[in-house]
């Protein structure tokens, strides 16, 4: 599981940062990519990565401001040209279906795959296939805006092969039966319960990706005990009044959300073009006394999300 940032800027593209989009790479887990927001020129950014549009399975839109959705029609069309045939589902606030359908109809674009929409009106679970679960909650922005919490199911414990070898249990189909938790009778008469030879389950990972927002309790709820929190940081630590006026957050407010939620790693994105070079990285430096593992991400950064030790 990895996060790959395709756009980390706010409002409009700059030479340093494209507008909002982040990919959750689930290639090992489900051979798929999930996108969160698709700002203008996201498909151009993808050309500089190893992401294949046909692998994009789901797209989660936080809100309908242009810097978060203007790249959608082009990406959807290109997915057809590049061999995409599997269904794709778009989640987002009411209006996302009308926007996409209007763009495709006016441009007479034909897709080679089924396109589904799930328009959100309230908080709650929006996806669950027992491998992954996604929860959406409303944030505090000028228009309807949602944050997303992705929960991975726990992984079964590993078969304790060394323990079996020490007890002279012959390898082969027996190991598979024990790993499945079955009770097995050996040729010498011993009876083994598979549960006695399976280690503790590995806790699944949690990733929280928020849209544009003021400080709100729902952000904390979405981020509770997450392995990684992706939070906007449109304004610097002391620009609280500006942040509130424009319905955004400061780097300090993002760090406070992370601390209250028990998050270990905070990734700051949606960086204003006012902050370039060292000024952008200061957004992280100024809050590391709150969350030591805080980082301002750049376009094309790839962040691994390891299992908890």
C-alpha atoms as a PDB file:
ATOM      1  CA  UNK A   1       0.000   0.000   0.000  1.00  0.00           C
ATOM      2  CA  UNK A   2       1.351   3.376  -1.048  1.00  0.00           C
ATOM      3  CA  UNK A   3       0.213   6.956  -1.520  1.00  0.00           C
ATOM      4  CA  UNK A   4       1.440   8.697  -4.668  1.00  0.00           C
ATOM      5  CA  UNK A   5       0.811  12.424  -4.918  1.00  0.00           C
ATOM      6  CA  UNK A   6      -0.133  13.640  -8.391  1.00  0.00           C
ATOM      7  CA  UNK A   7      -0.953  17.195  -7.390  1.00  0.00           C
ATOM      8  CA  UNK A   8      -0.242  19.034  -4.144  1.00  0.00           C
ATOM      9  CA  UNK A   9      -1.138  22.638  -4.944  1.00  0.00           C
ATOM     10  CA  UNK A  10      -4.128  24.780  -4.034  1.00  0.00           C
ATOM     11  CA  UNK A  11      -6.499  26.665  -6.316  1.00  0.00           C
ATOM     12  CA  UNK A  12      -4.589  26.739  -9.587  1.00  0.00           C
ATOM     13  CA  UNK A  13      -1.516  24.957 -10.956  1.00  0.00           C
ATOM     14  CA  UNK A  14       1.956  26.434 -10.527  1.00  0.00           C
ATOM     15  CA  UNK A  15       5.340  25.532 -11.972  1.00  0.00           C
ATOM     16  CA  UNK A  16       6.121  23.605  -8.794  1.00  0.00           C
ATOM     17  CA  UNK A  17       2.757  22.006  -7.985  1.00  0.00           C
ATOM     18  CA  UNK A  18      -0.229  20.759  -9.945  1.00  0.00           C
ATOM     19  CA  UNK A  19      -3.704  20.897  -8.408  1.00  0.00           C
ATOM     20  CA  UNK A  20      -5.185  18.272  -6.125  1.00  0.00           C
ATOM     21  CA  UNK A  21      -4.975  14.543  -6.754  1.00  0.00           C
ATOM     22  CA  UNK A  22      -3.578  11.618  -4.812  1.00  0.00           C
ATOM     23  CA  UNK A  23      -3.466   7.941  -5.742  1.00  0.00           C
ATOM     24  CA  UNK A  24      -3.810   5.153  -3.198  1.00  0.00           C
ATOM     25  CA  UNK A  25      -1.838   2.326  -4.755  1.00  0.00           C
ATOM     26  CA  UNK A  26      -3.386  -1.040  -3.839  1.00  0.00           C
ATOM     27  CA  UNK A  27      -1.617  -3.119  -6.466  1.00  0.00           C
ATOM     28  CA  UNK A  28      -0.485  -5.879  -4.106  1.00  0.00           C
ATOM     29  CA  UNK A  29      -3.730  -5.850  -2.136  1.00  0.00           C
ATOM     30  CA  UNK A  30      -6.285  -5.806  -4.999  1.00  0.00           C
ATOM     31  CA  UNK A  31      -4.383  -5.002  -8.220  1.00  0.00           C
ATOM     32  CA  UNK A  32      -6.042  -1.600  -8.328  1.00  0.00           C
ATOM     33  CA  UNK A  33      -5.555   2.143  -7.935  1.00  0.00           C
ATOM     34  CA  UNK A  34      -7.947   4.445  -6.089  1.00  0.00           C
ATOM     35  CA  UNK A  35      -7.819   8.172  -6.871  1.00  0.00           C
ATOM     36  CA  UNK A  36      -8.819  10.951  -4.492  1.00  0.00           C
ATOM     37  CA  UNK A  37      -9.701  14.106  -6.444  1.00  0.00           C
ATOM     38  CA  UNK A  38      -8.768  14.651 -10.076  1.00  0.00           C
ATOM     39  CA  UNK A  39      -7.611  18.206 -10.590  1.00  0.00           C
ATOM     40  CA  UNK A  40      -6.834  19.658 -14.014  1.00  0.00           C
ATOM     41  CA  UNK A  41      -4.073  17.775 -15.898  1.00  0.00           C
ATOM     42  CA  UNK A  42      -4.071  14.790 -13.533  1.00  0.00           C
ATOM     43  CA  UNK A  43      -3.733  12.525 -16.572  1.00  0.00           C
ATOM     44  CA  UNK A  44      -0.606  14.463 -17.605  1.00  0.00           C
ATOM     45  CA  UNK A  45       0.847  13.879 -14.146  1.00  0.00           C
ATOM     46  CA  UNK A  46       0.053  10.169 -14.421  1.00  0.00           C
ATOM     47  CA  UNK A  47       2.259  10.007 -17.535  1.00  0.00           C
ATOM     48  CA  UNK A  48       5.262  10.655 -15.263  1.00  0.00           C
ATOM     49  CA  UNK A  49       4.396   7.676 -13.041  1.00  0.00           C
ATOM     50  CA  UNK A  50       3.955   3.928 -13.449  1.00  0.00           C
ATOM     51  CA  UNK A  51       0.189   4.207 -12.873  1.00  0.00           C
ATOM     52  CA  UNK A  52      -1.959   2.701 -15.624  1.00  0.00           C
ATOM     53  CA  UNK A  53      -5.392   4.366 -16.003  1.00  0.00           C
ATOM     54  CA  UNK A  54      -7.016   0.978 -16.675  1.00  0.00           C
ATOM     55  CA  UNK A  55      -6.022  -0.004 -13.113  1.00  0.00           C
ATOM     56  CA  UNK A  56      -8.048   2.866 -11.631  1.00  0.00           C
ATOM     57  CA  UNK A  57     -10.994   1.155  -9.972  1.00  0.00           C
ATOM     58  CA  UNK A  58     -12.514   3.924  -7.850  1.00  0.00           C
ATOM     59  CA  UNK A  59     -12.391   7.712  -7.739  1.00  0.00           C
ATOM     60  CA  UNK A  60     -13.339   9.601  -4.583  1.00  0.00           C
ATOM     61  CA  UNK A  61     -14.111  13.305  -5.028  1.00  0.00           C
ATOM     62  CA  UNK A  62     -13.987  15.460  -1.901  1.00  0.00           C
ATOM     63  CA  UNK A  63     -15.883  18.457  -3.338  1.00  0.00           C
ATOM     64  CA  UNK A  64     -16.843  20.111  -6.596  1.00  0.00           C
ATOM     65  CA  UNK A  65     -14.445  23.058  -6.743  1.00  0.00           C
ATOM     66  CA  UNK A  66     -12.657  23.078 -10.083  1.00  0.00           C
ATOM     67  CA  UNK A  67      -9.163  22.397  -8.762  1.00  0.00           C
ATOM     68  CA  UNK A  68     -10.468  19.030  -7.564  1.00  0.00           C
ATOM     69  CA  UNK A  69     -12.559  17.878 -10.555  1.00  0.00           C
ATOM     70  CA  UNK A  70     -11.518  19.597 -13.814  1.00  0.00           C
ATOM     71  CA  UNK A  71      -9.287  16.665 -14.759  1.00  0.00           C
ATOM     72  CA  UNK A  72     -12.059  14.073 -14.615  1.00  0.00           C
ATOM     73  CA  UNK A  73     -13.494  14.157 -18.185  1.00  0.00           C
ATOM     74  CA  UNK A  74     -10.097  13.839 -19.840  1.00  0.00           C
ATOM     75  CA  UNK A  75      -8.936  11.048 -17.564  1.00  0.00           C
ATOM     76  CA  UNK A  76     -12.135   9.056 -18.064  1.00  0.00           C
ATOM     77  CA  UNK A  77     -11.855   9.364 -21.843  1.00  0.00           C
ATOM     78  CA  UNK A  78      -8.179   8.411 -21.896  1.00  0.00           C
ATOM     79  CA  UNK A  79      -8.923   5.338 -19.802  1.00  0.00           C
ATOM     80  CA  UNK A  80     -11.011   4.089 -22.737  1.00  0.00           C
ATOM     81  CA  UNK A  81      -8.239   4.736 -25.271  1.00  0.00           C
ATOM     82  CA  UNK A  82      -5.713   2.951 -23.068  1.00  0.00           C
ATOM     83  CA  UNK A  83      -7.533  -0.363 -22.769  1.00  0.00           C
ATOM     84  CA  UNK A  84      -9.795   0.224 -19.806  1.00  0.00           C
ATOM     85  CA  UNK A  85     -12.763  -2.139 -19.858  1.00  0.00           C
ATOM     86  CA  UNK A  86     -13.391  -2.823 -16.165  1.00  0.00           C
ATOM     87  CA  UNK A  87     -16.134  -0.842 -14.370  1.00  0.00           C
ATOM     88  CA  UNK A  88     -15.186   2.364 -12.561  1.00  0.00           C
ATOM     89  CA  UNK A  89     -17.105   3.959  -9.685  1.00  0.00           C
ATOM     90  CA  UNK A  90     -17.020   7.645  -8.808  1.00  0.00           C
ATOM     91  CA  UNK A  91     -17.992   8.732  -5.291  1.00  0.00           C
ATOM     92  CA  UNK A  92     -18.631  12.364  -4.454  1.00  0.00           C
ATOM     93  CA  UNK A  93     -21.097  15.087  -3.454  1.00  0.00           C
ATOM     94  CA  UNK A  94     -24.376  15.537  -5.304  1.00  0.00           C
ATOM     95  CA  UNK A  95     -23.632  17.109  -8.663  1.00  0.00           C
ATOM     96  CA  UNK A  96     -20.609  15.031  -9.630  1.00  0.00           C
ATOM     97  CA  UNK A  97     -22.744  12.788 -11.868  1.00  0.00           C
ATOM     98  CA  UNK A  98     -24.267  15.766 -13.683  1.00  0.00           C
ATOM     99  CA  UNK A  99     -20.834  17.363 -14.196  1.00  0.00           C
ATOM    100  CA  UNK A 100     -19.254  14.231 -15.677  1.00  0.00           C
ATOM    101  CA  UNK A 101     -22.228  13.282 -17.833  1.00  0.00           C
ATOM    102  CA  UNK A 102     -22.542  16.803 -19.246  1.00  0.00           C
ATOM    103  CA  UNK A 103     -18.853  16.913 -20.167  1.00  0.00           C
ATOM    104  CA  UNK A 104     -18.991  13.506 -21.850  1.00  0.00           C
ATOM    105  CA  UNK A 105     -22.243  14.257 -23.699  1.00  0.00           C
ATOM    106  CA  UNK A 106     -21.209  17.671 -25.005  1.00  0.00           C
ATOM    107  CA  UNK A 107     -17.861  16.300 -26.202  1.00  0.00           C
ATOM    108  CA  UNK A 108     -19.567  13.199 -27.637  1.00  0.00           C
ATOM    109  CA  UNK A 109     -17.195  10.977 -25.697  1.00  0.00           C
ATOM    110  CA  UNK A 110     -17.912   7.252 -25.564  1.00  0.00           C
ATOM    111  CA  UNK A 111     -16.497   5.136 -22.771  1.00  0.00           C
ATOM    112  CA  UNK A 112     -15.515   1.495 -23.263  1.00  0.00           C
ATOM    113  CA  UNK A 113     -16.431   0.571 -19.698  1.00  0.00           C
ATOM    114  CA  UNK A 114     -19.395   0.914 -17.298  1.00  0.00           C
ATOM    115  CA  UNK A 115     -19.262   4.104 -15.223  1.00  0.00           C
ATOM    116  CA  UNK A 116     -21.124   4.152 -11.889  1.00  0.00           C
ATOM    117  CA  UNK A 117     -21.819   7.024  -9.510  1.00  0.00           C
ATOM    118  CA  UNK A 118     -22.426   7.112  -5.770  1.00  0.00           C
ATOM    119  CA  UNK A 119     -23.512  10.599  -4.757  1.00  0.00           C
ATOM    120  CA  UNK A 120     -23.093  11.381  -1.063  1.00  0.00           C
ATOM    121  CA  UNK A 121     -25.539  13.293   1.077  1.00  0.00           C
ATOM    122  CA  UNK A 122     -24.621  12.249   4.615  1.00  0.00           C
ATOM    123  CA  UNK A 123     -21.977  10.608   6.785  1.00  0.00           C
ATOM    124  CA  UNK A 124     -21.492   6.861   6.785  1.00  0.00           C
ATOM    125  CA  UNK A 125     -20.011   3.759   5.214  1.00  0.00           C
ATOM    126  CA  UNK A 126     -19.950   3.992   1.425  1.00  0.00           C
ATOM    127  CA  UNK A 127     -18.033   0.826   0.519  1.00  0.00           C
ATOM    128  CA  UNK A 128     -17.276  -2.518   2.160  1.00  0.00           C
ATOM    129  CA  UNK A 129     -16.143  -5.708   0.430  1.00  0.00           C
ATOM    130  CA  UNK A 130     -14.634  -7.304   3.584  1.00  0.00           C
ATOM    131  CA  UNK A 131     -11.146  -6.497   2.265  1.00  0.00           C
ATOM    132  CA  UNK A 132     -11.526  -2.740   2.508  1.00  0.00           C
ATOM    133  CA  UNK A 133     -14.048  -0.404   4.063  1.00  0.00           C
ATOM    134  CA  UNK A 134     -14.500   3.293   3.230  1.00  0.00           C
ATOM    135  CA  UNK A 135     -16.255   5.816   5.453  1.00  0.00           C
ATOM    136  CA  UNK A 136     -17.146   9.356   4.345  1.00  0.00           C
ATOM    137  CA  UNK A 137     -17.953  12.296   6.623  1.00  0.00           C
ATOM    138  CA  UNK A 138     -18.858  15.905   5.945  1.00  0.00           C
ATOM    139  CA  UNK A 139     -16.186  18.544   6.425  1.00  0.00           C
ATOM    140  CA  UNK A 140     -16.512  22.324   6.855  1.00  0.00           C
ATOM    141  CA  UNK A 141     -15.931  24.071   3.530  1.00  0.00           C
ATOM    142  CA  UNK A 142     -17.764  26.652   1.401  1.00  0.00           C
ATOM    143  CA  UNK A 143     -19.605  23.900  -0.458  1.00  0.00           C
ATOM    144  CA  UNK A 144     -20.438  20.288   0.360  1.00  0.00           C
ATOM    145  CA  UNK A 145     -17.141  18.554   1.063  1.00  0.00           C
ATOM    146  CA  UNK A 146     -16.251  15.101   2.365  1.00  0.00           C
ATOM    147  CA  UNK A 147     -13.257  13.399   3.895  1.00  0.00           C
ATOM    148  CA  UNK A 148     -12.577   9.693   3.465  1.00  0.00           C
ATOM    149  CA  UNK A 149     -11.307   6.995   5.825  1.00  0.00           C
ATOM    150  CA  UNK A 150     -10.001   3.802   4.205  1.00  0.00           C
ATOM    151  CA  UNK A 151      -9.778   0.806   6.539  1.00  0.00           C
ATOM    152  CA  UNK A 152      -8.011  -2.369   5.490  1.00  0.00           C
ATOM    153  CA  UNK A 153      -9.280  -5.613   7.000  1.00  0.00           C
ATOM    154  CA  UNK A 154      -6.952  -7.473   9.357  1.00  0.00           C
ATOM    155  CA  UNK A 155      -4.687 -10.033   7.716  1.00  0.00           C
ATOM    156  CA  UNK A 156      -4.765 -13.628   9.030  1.00  0.00           C
ATOM    157  CA  UNK A 157      -1.804 -14.693  11.121  1.00  0.00           C
ATOM    158  CA  UNK A 158       1.105 -16.522   9.498  1.00  0.00           C
ATOM    159  CA  UNK A 159       1.465 -20.300   9.766  1.00  0.00           C
ATOM    160  CA  UNK A 160       4.196 -21.029  12.342  1.00  0.00           C
ATOM    161  CA  UNK A 161       6.264 -23.285  10.121  1.00  0.00           C
ATOM    162  CA  UNK A 162       9.228 -23.502  12.509  1.00  0.00           C
ATOM    163  CA  UNK A 163       6.978 -24.754  15.289  1.00  0.00           C
ATOM    164  CA  UNK A 164       5.644 -27.472  12.976  1.00  0.00           C
ATOM    165  CA  UNK A 165       9.142 -28.527  11.946  1.00  0.00           C
ATOM    166  CA  UNK A 166      10.246 -28.746  15.572  1.00  0.00           C
ATOM    167  CA  UNK A 167       7.384 -31.179  16.146  1.00  0.00           C
ATOM    168  CA  UNK A 168       8.358 -33.196  13.057  1.00  0.00           C
ATOM    169  CA  UNK A 169       5.138 -32.446  11.213  1.00  0.00           C
ATOM    170  CA  UNK A 170       5.729 -33.386   7.551  1.00  0.00           C
ATOM    171  CA  UNK A 171       5.323 -30.555   5.040  1.00  0.00           C
ATOM    172  CA  UNK A 172       2.831 -30.733   2.188  1.00  0.00           C
ATOM    173  CA  UNK A 173      -0.974 -30.525   2.063  1.00  0.00           C
ATOM    174  CA  UNK A 174      -1.098 -30.815   5.849  1.00  0.00           C
ATOM    175  CA  UNK A 175       0.394 -27.310   6.171  1.00  0.00           C
ATOM    176  CA  UNK A 176      -2.355 -25.881   3.995  1.00  0.00           C
ATOM    177  CA  UNK A 177      -5.050 -27.547   6.069  1.00  0.00           C
ATOM    178  CA  UNK A 178      -3.547 -26.268   9.306  1.00  0.00           C
ATOM    179  CA  UNK A 179      -3.244 -22.745   7.888  1.00  0.00           C
ATOM    180  CA  UNK A 180      -6.962 -22.913   7.097  1.00  0.00           C
ATOM    181  CA  UNK A 181      -7.577 -23.606  10.793  1.00  0.00           C
ATOM    182  CA  UNK A 182      -8.613 -27.219  10.304  1.00  0.00           C
ATOM    183  CA  UNK A 183      -8.010 -30.091  12.712  1.00  0.00           C
ATOM    184  CA  UNK A 184      -5.671 -32.679  11.184  1.00  0.00           C
ATOM    185  CA  UNK A 185      -4.881 -36.264  12.218  1.00  0.00           C
ATOM    186  CA  UNK A 186      -1.278 -37.259  11.394  1.00  0.00           C
ATOM    187  CA  UNK A 187      -0.233 -40.767  10.253  1.00  0.00           C
ATOM    188  CA  UNK A 188       1.292 -41.372  13.725  1.00  0.00           C
ATOM    189  CA  UNK A 189      -2.066 -40.643  15.368  1.00  0.00           C
ATOM    190  CA  UNK A 190      -1.364 -37.139  16.666  1.00  0.00           C
ATOM    191  CA  UNK A 191      -4.242 -34.697  16.330  1.00  0.00           C
ATOM    192  CA  UNK A 192      -3.313 -31.072  15.559  1.00  0.00           C
ATOM    193  CA  UNK A 193      -5.595 -28.059  15.738  1.00  0.00           C
ATOM    194  CA  UNK A 194      -4.610 -25.541  13.070  1.00  0.00           C
ATOM    195  CA  UNK A 195      -5.451 -22.623  15.371  1.00  0.00           C
ATOM    196  CA  UNK A 196      -2.548 -23.665  17.612  1.00  0.00           C
ATOM    197  CA  UNK A 197      -0.087 -23.041  14.771  1.00  0.00           C
ATOM    198  CA  UNK A 198      -1.270 -19.696  13.440  1.00  0.00           C
ATOM    199  CA  UNK A 199       0.250 -16.445  14.693  1.00  0.00           C
ATOM    200  CA  UNK A 200      -1.645 -13.338  15.727  1.00  0.00           C
ATOM    201  CA  UNK A 201      -3.571 -11.512  12.985  1.00  0.00           C
ATOM    202  CA  UNK A 202      -1.829  -8.522  11.418  1.00  0.00           C
ATOM    203  CA  UNK A 203      -3.865  -5.374  11.960  1.00  0.00           C
ATOM    204  CA  UNK A 204      -4.989  -3.718   8.740  1.00  0.00           C
ATOM    205  CA  UNK A 205      -3.840  -0.224   7.861  1.00  0.00           C
ATOM    206  CA  UNK A 206      -5.924   2.949   8.012  1.00  0.00           C
ATOM    207  CA  UNK A 207      -5.501   5.898   5.659  1.00  0.00           C
ATOM    208  CA  UNK A 208      -7.439   9.155   6.025  1.00  0.00           C
ATOM    209  CA  UNK A 209      -7.608  11.653   3.171  1.00  0.00           C
ATOM    210  CA  UNK A 210      -9.409  14.916   3.797  1.00  0.00           C
ATOM    211  CA  UNK A 211     -10.707  17.543   1.417  1.00  0.00           C
ATOM    212  CA  UNK A 212     -10.600  21.302   1.961  1.00  0.00           C
ATOM    213  CA  UNK A 213     -11.875  22.170   5.432  1.00  0.00           C
ATOM    214  CA  UNK A 214     -11.828  24.300   8.517  1.00  0.00           C
ATOM    215  CA  UNK A 215     -11.147  22.544  11.792  1.00  0.00           C
ATOM    216  CA  UNK A 216     -14.043  20.185  12.497  1.00  0.00           C
ATOM    217  CA  UNK A 217     -14.738  17.246  14.797  1.00  0.00           C
ATOM    218  CA  UNK A 218     -15.479  15.049  11.802  1.00  0.00           C
ATOM    219  CA  UNK A 219     -11.851  15.361  10.701  1.00  0.00           C
ATOM    220  CA  UNK A 220     -10.760  13.910  14.045  1.00  0.00           C
ATOM    221  CA  UNK A 221     -13.329  11.110  13.787  1.00  0.00           C
ATOM    222  CA  UNK A 222     -12.128  10.200  10.303  1.00  0.00           C
ATOM    223  CA  UNK A 223      -8.480  10.223  11.370  1.00  0.00           C
ATOM    224  CA  UNK A 224      -8.810   8.287  14.639  1.00  0.00           C
ATOM    225  CA  UNK A 225      -5.750   6.023  15.024  1.00  0.00           C
ATOM    226  CA  UNK A 226      -4.986   6.267  11.301  1.00  0.00           C
ATOM    227  CA  UNK A 227      -1.552   5.197  10.093  1.00  0.00           C
ATOM    228  CA  UNK A 228      -1.436   8.243   7.810  1.00  0.00           C
ATOM    229  CA  UNK A 229      -3.441  11.466   7.661  1.00  0.00           C
ATOM    230  CA  UNK A 230      -3.415  13.528   4.462  1.00  0.00           C
ATOM    231  CA  UNK A 231      -4.561  17.013   5.469  1.00  0.00           C
ATOM    232  CA  UNK A 232      -4.729  20.290   3.606  1.00  0.00           C
ATOM    233  CA  UNK A 233      -2.408  23.089   4.760  1.00  0.00           C
ATOM    234  CA  UNK A 234      -3.375  26.068   2.661  1.00  0.00           C
ATOM    235  CA  UNK A 235      -2.186  28.512   5.301  1.00  0.00           C
ATOM    236  CA  UNK A 236       0.784  28.814   7.636  1.00  0.00           C
ATOM    237  CA  UNK A 237       0.727  28.260  11.386  1.00  0.00           C
ATOM    238  CA  UNK A 238      -0.340  31.752  12.484  1.00  0.00           C
ATOM    239  CA  UNK A 239      -2.778  32.593   9.669  1.00  0.00           C
ATOM    240  CA  UNK A 240      -5.809  31.389  11.609  1.00  0.00           C
ATOM    241  CA  UNK A 241      -8.122  34.266  10.642  1.00  0.00           C
ATOM    242  CA  UNK A 242      -7.309  33.904   6.950  1.00  0.00           C
ATOM    243  CA  UNK A 243      -7.865  30.158   7.121  1.00  0.00           C
ATOM    244  CA  UNK A 244     -11.259  30.560   8.749  1.00  0.00           C
ATOM    245  CA  UNK A 245     -12.306  33.272   6.319  1.00  0.00           C
ATOM    246  CA  UNK A 246     -11.509  31.078   3.315  1.00  0.00           C
ATOM    247  CA  UNK A 247     -12.786  27.820   4.867  1.00  0.00           C
ATOM    248  CA  UNK A 248      -9.333  26.236   4.989  1.00  0.00           C
ATOM    249  CA  UNK A 249      -6.824  25.071   7.603  1.00  0.00           C
ATOM    250  CA  UNK A 250      -3.420  26.116   8.860  1.00  0.00           C
ATOM    251  CA  UNK A 251      -0.561  23.697   9.315  1.00  0.00           C
ATOM    252  CA  UNK A 252      -0.999  23.992  13.102  1.00  0.00           C
ATOM    253  CA  UNK A 253      -4.691  23.125  12.868  1.00  0.00           C
ATOM    254  CA  UNK A 254      -3.845  20.066  10.758  1.00  0.00           C
ATOM    255  CA  UNK A 255      -1.307  18.978  13.369  1.00  0.00           C
ATOM    256  CA  UNK A 256      -3.835  19.473  16.176  1.00  0.00           C
ATOM    257  CA  UNK A 257      -6.310  17.239  14.356  1.00  0.00           C
ATOM    258  CA  UNK A 258      -3.610  14.583  13.946  1.00  0.00           C
ATOM    259  CA  UNK A 259      -2.622  14.759  17.618  1.00  0.00           C
ATOM    260  CA  UNK A 260      -6.194  14.526  18.906  1.00  0.00           C
ATOM    261  CA  UNK A 261      -6.838  11.584  16.578  1.00  0.00           C
ATOM    262  CA  UNK A 262      -3.705   9.693  17.626  1.00  0.00           C
ATOM    263  CA  UNK A 263      -2.120   9.822  14.165  1.00  0.00           C
ATOM    264  CA  UNK A 264       1.598   9.107  13.860  1.00  0.00           C
ATOM    265  CA  UNK A 265       2.314  10.419  10.325  1.00  0.00           C
ATOM    266  CA  UNK A 266       0.900  13.696   8.983  1.00  0.00           C
ATOM    267  CA  UNK A 267       1.222  14.600   5.299  1.00  0.00           C
ATOM    268  CA  UNK A 268       0.476  18.230   4.437  1.00  0.00           C
ATOM    269  CA  UNK A 269      -0.833  19.017   0.959  1.00  0.00           C
ATOM    270  CA  UNK A 270      -2.960  21.633  -0.891  1.00  0.00           C
ATOM    271  CA  UNK A 271      -0.090  24.103  -0.546  1.00  0.00           C
ATOM    272  CA  UNK A 272      -0.719  27.681  -1.648  1.00  0.00           C
ATOM    273  CA  UNK A 273       1.479  29.026  -4.456  1.00  0.00           C
ATOM    274  CA  UNK A 274       2.523  31.740  -1.975  1.00  0.00           C
ATOM    275  CA  UNK A 275       4.763  29.160  -0.351  1.00  0.00           C
ATOM    276  CA  UNK A 276       7.680  28.073  -2.509  1.00  0.00           C
ATOM    277  CA  UNK A 277      11.006  26.435  -1.710  1.00  0.00           C
ATOM    278  CA  UNK A 278      11.941  26.640   1.961  1.00  0.00           C
ATOM    279  CA  UNK A 279       8.778  28.577   2.786  1.00  0.00           C
ATOM    280  CA  UNK A 280       6.670  25.545   1.861  1.00  0.00           C
ATOM    281  CA  UNK A 281       8.713  23.181   4.009  1.00  0.00           C
ATOM    282  CA  UNK A 282       8.394  25.575   6.947  1.00  0.00           C
ATOM    283  CA  UNK A 283       4.747  24.575   7.117  1.00  0.00           C
ATOM    284  CA  UNK A 284       5.934  21.210   8.431  1.00  0.00           C
ATOM    285  CA  UNK A 285       8.884  22.429  10.485  1.00  0.00           C
ATOM    286  CA  UNK A 286       6.691  24.804  12.487  1.00  0.00           C
ATOM    287  CA  UNK A 287       4.413  22.011  13.777  1.00  0.00           C
ATOM    288  CA  UNK A 288       6.837  19.153  14.423  1.00  0.00           C
ATOM    289  CA  UNK A 289       6.647  19.947  18.117  1.00  0.00           C
ATOM    290  CA  UNK A 290       3.025  18.740  17.838  1.00  0.00           C
ATOM    291  CA  UNK A 291       3.473  15.821  15.420  1.00  0.00           C
ATOM    292  CA  UNK A 292       7.164  14.961  14.897  1.00  0.00           C
ATOM    293  CA  UNK A 293       6.504  12.913  11.760  1.00  0.00           C
ATOM    294  CA  UNK A 294       5.047  15.744   9.683  1.00  0.00           C
ATOM    295  CA  UNK A 295       5.963  16.300   6.050  1.00  0.00           C
ATOM    296  CA  UNK A 296       4.979  18.675   3.257  1.00  0.00           C
ATOM    297  CA  UNK A 297       4.512  16.444   0.224  1.00  0.00           C
ATOM    298  CA  UNK A 298       5.498  17.348  -3.326  1.00  0.00           C
ATOM    299  CA  UNK A 299       4.124  16.224  -6.654  1.00  0.00           C
ATOM    300  CA  UNK A 300       5.240  12.641  -7.397  1.00  0.00           C
ATOM    301  CA  UNK A 301       6.192  11.826  -3.811  1.00  0.00           C
ATOM    302  CA  UNK A 302       5.490   8.172  -3.006  1.00  0.00           C
ATOM    303  CA  UNK A 303       4.823   7.303   0.634  1.00  0.00           C
ATOM    304  CA  UNK A 304       4.903   3.683   1.792  1.00  0.00           C
ATOM    305  CA  UNK A 305       2.356   2.679   4.418  1.00  0.00           C
ATOM    306  CA  UNK A 306       3.866  -0.258   6.330  1.00  0.00           C
ATOM    307  CA  UNK A 307       2.067  -2.577   8.682  1.00  0.00           C
ATOM    308  CA  UNK A 308       2.196  -1.730  12.379  1.00  0.00           C
ATOM    309  CA  UNK A 309       5.003  -3.561  14.159  1.00  0.00           C
END
